[in-house]
Every structure is written in C-alpha cells, then in structure tokens.
Amino acid sequence: MKIPYGSCVSWRIPPAQNGFIDKIFGYLQNLFTNCKETHCSIIMSEYPENDAYYEFEQSVTARINIYDGNPNSTVFDIKAGWLEKEIVLETMIKNIGQVYGFAQTLIFIVRWLLELVGIDGRRLWNPLGFLSICSEATYYYLADLAELMQWNDLRDYLKEWNPNTFHSGDFREVLDWMVEKNYAQKIMGG
C-alpha cells in the first residue's frame, strides 16, 4: 500500500527495537507520559519505491528512515493538499535542529510530577526547548498545516500545549481528534 505523502505515524514502541537503550527509553516514556505511544514521525515519500519518514531517533542526528509497516504503529493520512504538505515539510527540515534533544525528554518527568498533584503541565516552559525531538517536530508540522489550510479549530486546539512539552501521547490524541473533525483518516494500524 502506498502511504500518502505527509501522513503521520504514531508508534507504540520505538522503531528501532534492538538494544537495551531503545527498550528502556520506551518503557520510561510510557511511565512518565501515562501513554502507550513512544514515538511519532511523518512520511516523506520522496523515494517512489519506499515510504520514507523523517524522524528524530534516540541518537545524535535526525535522519530519514524507511517505514516498514511496523504492526505497533498507526498511520494517519492528513487531509491537507500535497502542496501545503510539501511547503511545511521543506521548511521544517531546514529549520529544525539536527541533534536529537534527548535531554529535552526530561521535561516529561516534570510534567508527570505536576500532573500527579493535579497541575496541567501541557504548557510548561521548557529550558531545553532549543533541542528537537520527534513530538516537537510533529507538533510544528500539524500547527503549520493548520495555518496554511485555515483549520482554525486545530490551530486553537494545539495551543493547549507548549511544543517543547508535547509528547507522543499528545500527538496521538490530536490525530484522533483530527479524525473526528475529518482533517485526517486512519489508514493503517489501530
């Protein structure tokens, strides 16, 4: 199945399944976000024979990988125009840092602690916000598409979060909301 350009992928486990670091990071993320999702990415079908996606790995660089139909992922076709998706993705690739912001994920622990005592941590200021992680990249992708497509209710909904504290579970929540609003369609996975 050809996955449409600019589709979003919500992962329940990190795409790289080998090694202690990848597994422990996923388990810790599950614990501190209270969500099953641990990763997110965007399909960049610039390679006609493959569905490539741009993502930030738990390593030192951002890179392009090949989507392999992982059964622990859900793919959402975003119902924006191809040109709008291309504009947003090209700008995003130029502007988002190349170093994975592993330290930025520490804010999820702070957010979790706040939420344990009943304080909403979604808009929490993050001093490590200059670093980039997968969920931040997908936040900007959806926000920029909302602006171009004039999906004002999506733009307003995304304002409930700070892009630097937006995690993979939040991304999945927004994608499910987009399906309800007919801005996206679930095309693979559960």
C-alpha atoms as a PDB file:
ATOM      1  CA  MET A   1       0.000   0.000   0.000  1.00  0.00           C
ATOM      2  CA  LYS A   2       1.341   3.397  -0.970  1.00  0.00           C
ATOM      3  CA  ILE A   3       1.154   5.686   2.041  1.00  0.00           C
ATOM      4  CA  PRO A   4       0.260   9.289   1.125  1.00  0.00           C
ATOM      5  CA  TYR A   5       2.977  11.926   1.344  1.00  0.00           C
ATOM      6  CA  GLY A   6       2.809  13.854   4.603  1.00  0.00           C
ATOM      7  CA  SER A   7       0.988  11.142   6.553  1.00  0.00           C
ATOM      8  CA  CYS A   8       1.713  10.890  10.285  1.00  0.00           C
ATOM      9  CA  VAL A   9       2.805   7.761  12.150  1.00  0.00           C
ATOM     10  CA  SER A  10       2.077   7.164  15.833  1.00  0.00           C
ATOM     11  CA  TRP A  11       4.337   4.463  17.295  1.00  0.00           C
ATOM     12  CA  ARG A  12       3.629   2.310  20.322  1.00  0.00           C
ATOM     13  CA  ILE A  13       7.265   1.258  20.572  1.00  0.00           C
ATOM     14  CA  PRO A  14      10.404   2.876  19.161  1.00  0.00           C
ATOM     15  CA  PRO A  15      11.012   1.893  15.515  1.00  0.00           C
ATOM     16  CA  ALA A  16      14.492   0.583  16.410  1.00  0.00           C
ATOM     17  CA  GLN A  17      13.673  -2.458  18.540  1.00  0.00           C
ATOM     18  CA  ASN A  18      17.164  -3.700  19.248  1.00  0.00           C
ATOM     19  CA  GLY A  19      19.226  -2.836  22.258  1.00  0.00           C
ATOM     20  CA  PHE A  20      18.712  -2.018  25.901  1.00  0.00           C
ATOM     21  CA  ILE A  21      18.709   1.779  25.428  1.00  0.00           C
ATOM     22  CA  ASP A  22      15.860   1.738  22.891  1.00  0.00           C
ATOM     23  CA  LYS A  23      13.724  -0.528  25.072  1.00  0.00           C
ATOM     24  CA  ILE A  24      14.329   1.230  28.382  1.00  0.00           C
ATOM     25  CA  PHE A  25      13.672   4.622  26.825  1.00  0.00           C
ATOM     26  CA  GLY A  26      10.288   3.389  25.570  1.00  0.00           C
ATOM     27  CA  TYR A  27       9.347   1.934  28.950  1.00  0.00           C
ATOM     28  CA  LEU A  28      10.349   5.115  30.771  1.00  0.00           C
ATOM     29  CA  GLN A  29       8.411   7.219  28.302  1.00  0.00           C
ATOM     30  CA  ASN A  30       5.334   5.028  28.867  1.00  0.00           C
ATOM     31  CA  LEU A  31       5.697   5.543  32.614  1.00  0.00           C
ATOM     32  CA  PHE A  32       6.231   9.308  32.578  1.00  0.00           C
ATOM     33  CA  THR A  33       3.634  10.166  29.928  1.00  0.00           C
ATOM     34  CA  ASN A  34       0.960   7.658  31.011  1.00  0.00           C
ATOM     35  CA  CYS A  35       0.547   6.824  27.296  1.00  0.00           C
ATOM     36  CA  LYS A  36       1.251   3.769  25.185  1.00  0.00           C
ATOM     37  CA  GLU A  37       2.763   5.862  22.389  1.00  0.00           C
ATOM     38  CA  THR A  38       6.520   6.353  22.462  1.00  0.00           C
ATOM     39  CA  HIS A  39       7.428   7.862  19.099  1.00  0.00           C
ATOM     40  CA  CYS A  40       5.999   9.778  16.157  1.00  0.00           C
ATOM     41  CA  SER A  41       7.106  10.571  12.632  1.00  0.00           C
ATOM     42  CA  ILE A  42       5.994  11.951   9.291  1.00  0.00           C
ATOM     43  CA  ILE A  43       6.005  10.056   5.983  1.00  0.00           C
ATOM     44  CA  MET A  44       8.193  11.732   3.382  1.00  0.00           C
ATOM     45  CA  SER A  45       7.562   9.759   0.198  1.00  0.00           C
ATOM     46  CA  GLU A  46      10.338  11.359  -1.774  1.00  0.00           C
ATOM     47  CA  TYR A  47      11.553   7.910  -2.727  1.00  0.00           C
ATOM     48  CA  PRO A  48       8.916   6.397  -5.025  1.00  0.00           C
ATOM     49  CA  GLU A  49       9.822   2.796  -4.202  1.00  0.00           C
ATOM     50  CA  ASN A  50       9.628   3.308  -0.425  1.00  0.00           C
ATOM     51  CA  ASP A  51       7.684   5.177   2.209  1.00  0.00           C
ATOM     52  CA  ALA A  52      10.427   7.222   3.864  1.00  0.00           C
ATOM     53  CA  TYR A  53       9.805   9.143   7.044  1.00  0.00           C
ATOM     54  CA  TYR A  54      11.724  11.923   8.715  1.00  0.00           C
ATOM     55  CA  GLU A  55      12.269  11.387  12.386  1.00  0.00           C
ATOM     56  CA  PHE A  56      14.409  12.157  15.372  1.00  0.00           C
ATOM     57  CA  GLU A  57      15.942   8.992  16.791  1.00  0.00           C
ATOM     58  CA  GLN A  58      17.369   8.473  20.267  1.00  0.00           C
ATOM     59  CA  SER A  59      20.785   9.126  18.768  1.00  0.00           C
ATOM     60  CA  VAL A  60      22.813  12.151  17.820  1.00  0.00           C
ATOM     61  CA  THR A  61      21.250  13.057  14.480  1.00  0.00           C
ATOM     62  CA  ALA A  62      17.921  13.426  12.742  1.00  0.00           C
ATOM     63  CA  ARG A  63      17.673  11.113   9.787  1.00  0.00           C
ATOM     64  CA  ILE A  64      15.419   9.641   7.138  1.00  0.00           C
ATOM     65  CA  ASN A  65      14.361   6.025   7.670  1.00  0.00           C
ATOM     66  CA  ILE A  66      12.160   3.635   5.720  1.00  0.00           C
ATOM     67  CA  TYR A  67       8.719   2.849   7.112  1.00  0.00           C
ATOM     68  CA  ASP A  68       8.441  -0.932   7.294  1.00  0.00           C
ATOM     69  CA  GLY A  69       4.769  -1.380   8.171  1.00  0.00           C
ATOM     70  CA  ASN A  70       5.529  -1.960  11.851  1.00  0.00           C
ATOM     71  CA  PRO A  71       2.405  -3.560  13.426  1.00  0.00           C
ATOM     72  CA  ASN A  72       2.876  -1.375  16.527  1.00  0.00           C
ATOM     73  CA  SER A  73       2.263   1.794  14.556  1.00  0.00           C
ATOM     74  CA  THR A  74      -0.794   3.632  13.297  1.00  0.00           C
ATOM     75  CA  VAL A  75      -0.689   5.697  10.121  1.00  0.00           C
ATOM     76  CA  PHE A  76      -2.912   8.730   9.612  1.00  0.00           C
ATOM     77  CA  ASP A  77      -3.422  10.373   6.219  1.00  0.00           C
ATOM     78  CA  ILE A  78      -3.637  14.127   6.805  1.00  0.00           C
ATOM     79  CA  LYS A  79      -6.284  15.623   4.516  1.00  0.00           C
ATOM     80  CA  ALA A  80      -4.290  18.676   3.501  1.00  0.00           C
ATOM     81  CA  GLY A  81      -3.174  19.347  -0.051  1.00  0.00           C
ATOM     82  CA  TRP A  82       0.070  17.858  -1.344  1.00  0.00           C
ATOM     83  CA  LEU A  83       1.496  21.335  -1.999  1.00  0.00           C
ATOM     84  CA  GLU A  84       0.722  22.509   1.548  1.00  0.00           C
ATOM     85  CA  LYS A  85       2.355  19.388   2.988  1.00  0.00           C
ATOM     86  CA  GLU A  86       5.419  19.921   0.814  1.00  0.00           C
ATOM     87  CA  ILE A  87       5.753  23.580   1.836  1.00  0.00           C
ATOM     88  CA  VAL A  88       5.538  22.731   5.535  1.00  0.00           C
ATOM     89  CA  LEU A  89       7.886  19.734   5.365  1.00  0.00           C
ATOM     90  CA  GLU A  90      10.548  21.550   3.339  1.00  0.00           C
ATOM     91  CA  THR A  91      10.517  24.455   5.796  1.00  0.00           C
ATOM     92  CA  MET A  92      10.546  22.108   8.780  1.00  0.00           C
ATOM     93  CA  ILE A  93      13.570  20.165   7.544  1.00  0.00           C
ATOM     94  CA  LYS A  94      15.524  23.398   7.032  1.00  0.00           C
ATOM     95  CA  ASN A  95      14.632  24.893  10.411  1.00  0.00           C
ATOM     96  CA  ILE A  96      14.564  22.069  12.956  1.00  0.00           C
ATOM     97  CA  GLY A  97      17.883  21.160  14.528  1.00  0.00           C
ATOM     98  CA  GLN A  98      19.813  18.084  13.582  1.00  0.00           C
ATOM     99  CA  VAL A  99      20.814  16.994  17.087  1.00  0.00           C
ATOM    100  CA  TYR A 100      18.288  14.843  18.926  1.00  0.00           C
ATOM    101  CA  GLY A 101      17.237  16.559  22.140  1.00  0.00           C
ATOM    102  CA  PHE A 102      17.451  13.566  24.439  1.00  0.00           C
ATOM    103  CA  ALA A 103      17.790  15.874  27.462  1.00  0.00           C
ATOM    104  CA  GLN A 104      14.586  17.650  26.433  1.00  0.00           C
ATOM    105  CA  THR A 105      12.644  14.487  27.251  1.00  0.00           C
ATOM    106  CA  LEU A 106      13.441  15.096  30.933  1.00  0.00           C
ATOM    107  CA  ILE A 107      10.631  17.686  30.919  1.00  0.00           C
ATOM    108  CA  PHE A 108       8.164  14.780  30.648  1.00  0.00           C
ATOM    109  CA  ILE A 109       9.168  13.746  34.169  1.00  0.00           C
ATOM    110  CA  VAL A 110       8.474  17.272  35.446  1.00  0.00           C
ATOM    111  CA  ARG A 111       5.160  17.357  33.578  1.00  0.00           C
ATOM    112  CA  TRP A 112       4.252  13.933  35.042  1.00  0.00           C
ATOM    113  CA  LEU A 113       5.039  15.118  38.582  1.00  0.00           C
ATOM    114  CA  LEU A 114       2.900  18.238  38.124  1.00  0.00           C
ATOM    115  CA  GLU A 115       0.009  16.201  36.778  1.00  0.00           C
ATOM    116  CA  LEU A 116       0.287  13.779  39.734  1.00  0.00           C
ATOM    117  CA  VAL A 117      -0.646  16.690  42.009  1.00  0.00           C
ATOM    118  CA  GLY A 118      -3.378  17.958  39.673  1.00  0.00           C
ATOM    119  CA  ILE A 119      -1.480  20.690  37.795  1.00  0.00           C
ATOM    120  CA  ASP A 120      -1.796  20.747  33.986  1.00  0.00           C
ATOM    121  CA  GLY A 121       1.763  20.554  32.648  1.00  0.00           C
ATOM    122  CA  ARG A 122       0.985  20.809  28.923  1.00  0.00           C
ATOM    123  CA  ARG A 123       2.017  24.478  28.695  1.00  0.00           C
ATOM    124  CA  LEU A 124       5.052  24.098  30.947  1.00  0.00           C
ATOM    125  CA  TRP A 125       8.054  26.198  29.923  1.00  0.00           C
ATOM    126  CA  ASN A 126      10.984  24.005  28.929  1.00  0.00           C
ATOM    127  CA  PRO A 127      14.514  25.405  29.390  1.00  0.00           C
ATOM    128  CA  LEU A 128      15.806  22.735  26.988  1.00  0.00           C
ATOM    129  CA  GLY A 129      13.385  23.791  24.235  1.00  0.00           C
ATOM    130  CA  PHE A 130      16.208  24.695  21.855  1.00  0.00           C
ATOM    131  CA  LEU A 131      16.746  20.962  21.301  1.00  0.00           C
ATOM    132  CA  SER A 132      14.490  18.955  18.954  1.00  0.00           C
ATOM    133  CA  ILE A 133      12.570  15.723  19.495  1.00  0.00           C
ATOM    134  CA  CYS A 134      10.104  13.818  17.325  1.00  0.00           C
ATOM    135  CA  SER A 135       6.944  15.078  19.001  1.00  0.00           C
ATOM    136  CA  GLU A 136       8.043  18.707  18.743  1.00  0.00           C
ATOM    137  CA  ALA A 137       8.650  18.264  15.002  1.00  0.00           C
ATOM    138  CA  THR A 138       5.204  16.717  14.509  1.00  0.00           C
ATOM    139  CA  TYR A 139       3.600  19.493  16.597  1.00  0.00           C
ATOM    140  CA  TYR A 140       5.060  22.137  14.267  1.00  0.00           C
ATOM    141  CA  TYR A 141       4.041  20.106  11.226  1.00  0.00           C
ATOM    142  CA  LEU A 142       0.394  19.990  12.327  1.00  0.00           C
ATOM    143  CA  ALA A 143       0.386  23.618  13.507  1.00  0.00           C
ATOM    144  CA  ASP A 144       1.852  24.891  10.240  1.00  0.00           C
ATOM    145  CA  LEU A 145      -0.602  22.804   8.209  1.00  0.00           C
ATOM    146  CA  ALA A 146      -3.475  24.156  10.305  1.00  0.00           C
ATOM    147  CA  GLU A 147      -2.304  27.673   9.480  1.00  0.00           C
ATOM    148  CA  LEU A 148      -1.978  27.032   5.727  1.00  0.00           C
ATOM    149  CA  MET A 149      -5.262  25.116   5.495  1.00  0.00           C
ATOM    150  CA  GLN A 150      -7.044  27.629   7.750  1.00  0.00           C
ATOM    151  CA  TRP A 151      -8.081  24.885  10.161  1.00  0.00           C
ATOM    152  CA  ASN A 152      -8.572  27.389  12.957  1.00  0.00           C
ATOM    153  CA  ASP A 153     -10.051  24.899  15.410  1.00  0.00           C
ATOM    154  CA  LEU A 154      -6.974  22.665  15.042  1.00  0.00           C
ATOM    155  CA  ARG A 155      -4.678  25.655  15.489  1.00  0.00           C
ATOM    156  CA  ASP A 156      -6.590  26.628  18.648  1.00  0.00           C
ATOM    157  CA  TYR A 157      -6.563  23.037  19.941  1.00  0.00           C
ATOM    158  CA  LEU A 158      -2.787  22.803  19.541  1.00  0.00           C
ATOM    159  CA  LYS A 159      -2.378  25.958  21.623  1.00  0.00           C
ATOM    160  CA  GLU A 160      -3.305  23.853  24.662  1.00  0.00           C
ATOM    161  CA  TRP A 161       0.297  22.543  24.553  1.00  0.00           C
ATOM    162  CA  ASN A 162       3.758  24.009  24.504  1.00  0.00           C
ATOM    163  CA  PRO A 163       5.569  22.461  21.502  1.00  0.00           C
ATOM    164  CA  ASN A 164       8.537  21.675  23.766  1.00  0.00           C
ATOM    165  CA  THR A 165       6.449  19.620  26.217  1.00  0.00           C
ATOM    166  CA  PHE A 166       4.223  17.963  23.585  1.00  0.00           C
ATOM    167  CA  HIS A 167       4.815  14.194  23.714  1.00  0.00           C
ATOM    168  CA  SER A 168       3.900  11.206  21.552  1.00  0.00           C
ATOM    169  CA  GLY A 169       0.705  10.536  23.510  1.00  0.00           C
ATOM    170  CA  ASP A 170      -0.407  14.123  22.895  1.00  0.00           C
ATOM    171  CA  PHE A 171       0.338  13.653  19.197  1.00  0.00           C
ATOM    172  CA  ARG A 172      -1.893  10.571  19.102  1.00  0.00           C
ATOM    173  CA  GLU A 173      -4.641  12.458  20.960  1.00  0.00           C
ATOM    174  CA  VAL A 174      -4.503  15.264  18.388  1.00  0.00           C
ATOM    175  CA  LEU A 175      -4.531  12.803  15.472  1.00  0.00           C
ATOM    176  CA  ASP A 176      -7.594  11.021  16.885  1.00  0.00           C
ATOM    177  CA  TRP A 177      -9.255  14.441  17.283  1.00  0.00           C
ATOM    178  CA  MET A 178      -8.362  15.252  13.672  1.00  0.00           C
ATOM    179  CA  VAL A 179     -10.065  12.045  12.517  1.00  0.00           C
ATOM    180  CA  GLU A 180     -13.245  13.118  14.338  1.00  0.00           C
ATOM    181  CA  LYS A 181     -13.055  16.540  12.621  1.00  0.00           C
ATOM    182  CA  ASN A 182     -12.369  14.953   9.213  1.00  0.00           C
ATOM    183  CA  TYR A 183      -8.885  16.524   8.932  1.00  0.00           C
ATOM    184  CA  ALA A 184      -7.253  13.088   8.967  1.00  0.00           C
ATOM    185  CA  GLN A 185      -8.089   9.468   8.247  1.00  0.00           C
ATOM    186  CA  LYS A 186      -6.638   6.400   9.950  1.00  0.00           C
ATOM    187  CA  ILE A 187      -5.323   4.219   7.120  1.00  0.00           C
ATOM    188  CA  MET A 188      -3.227   1.548   8.884  1.00  0.00           C
ATOM    189  CA  GLY A 189      -2.959   0.131  12.375  1.00  0.00           C
ATOM    190  CA  GLY A 190      -5.031   0.561  15.500  1.00  0.00           C
END
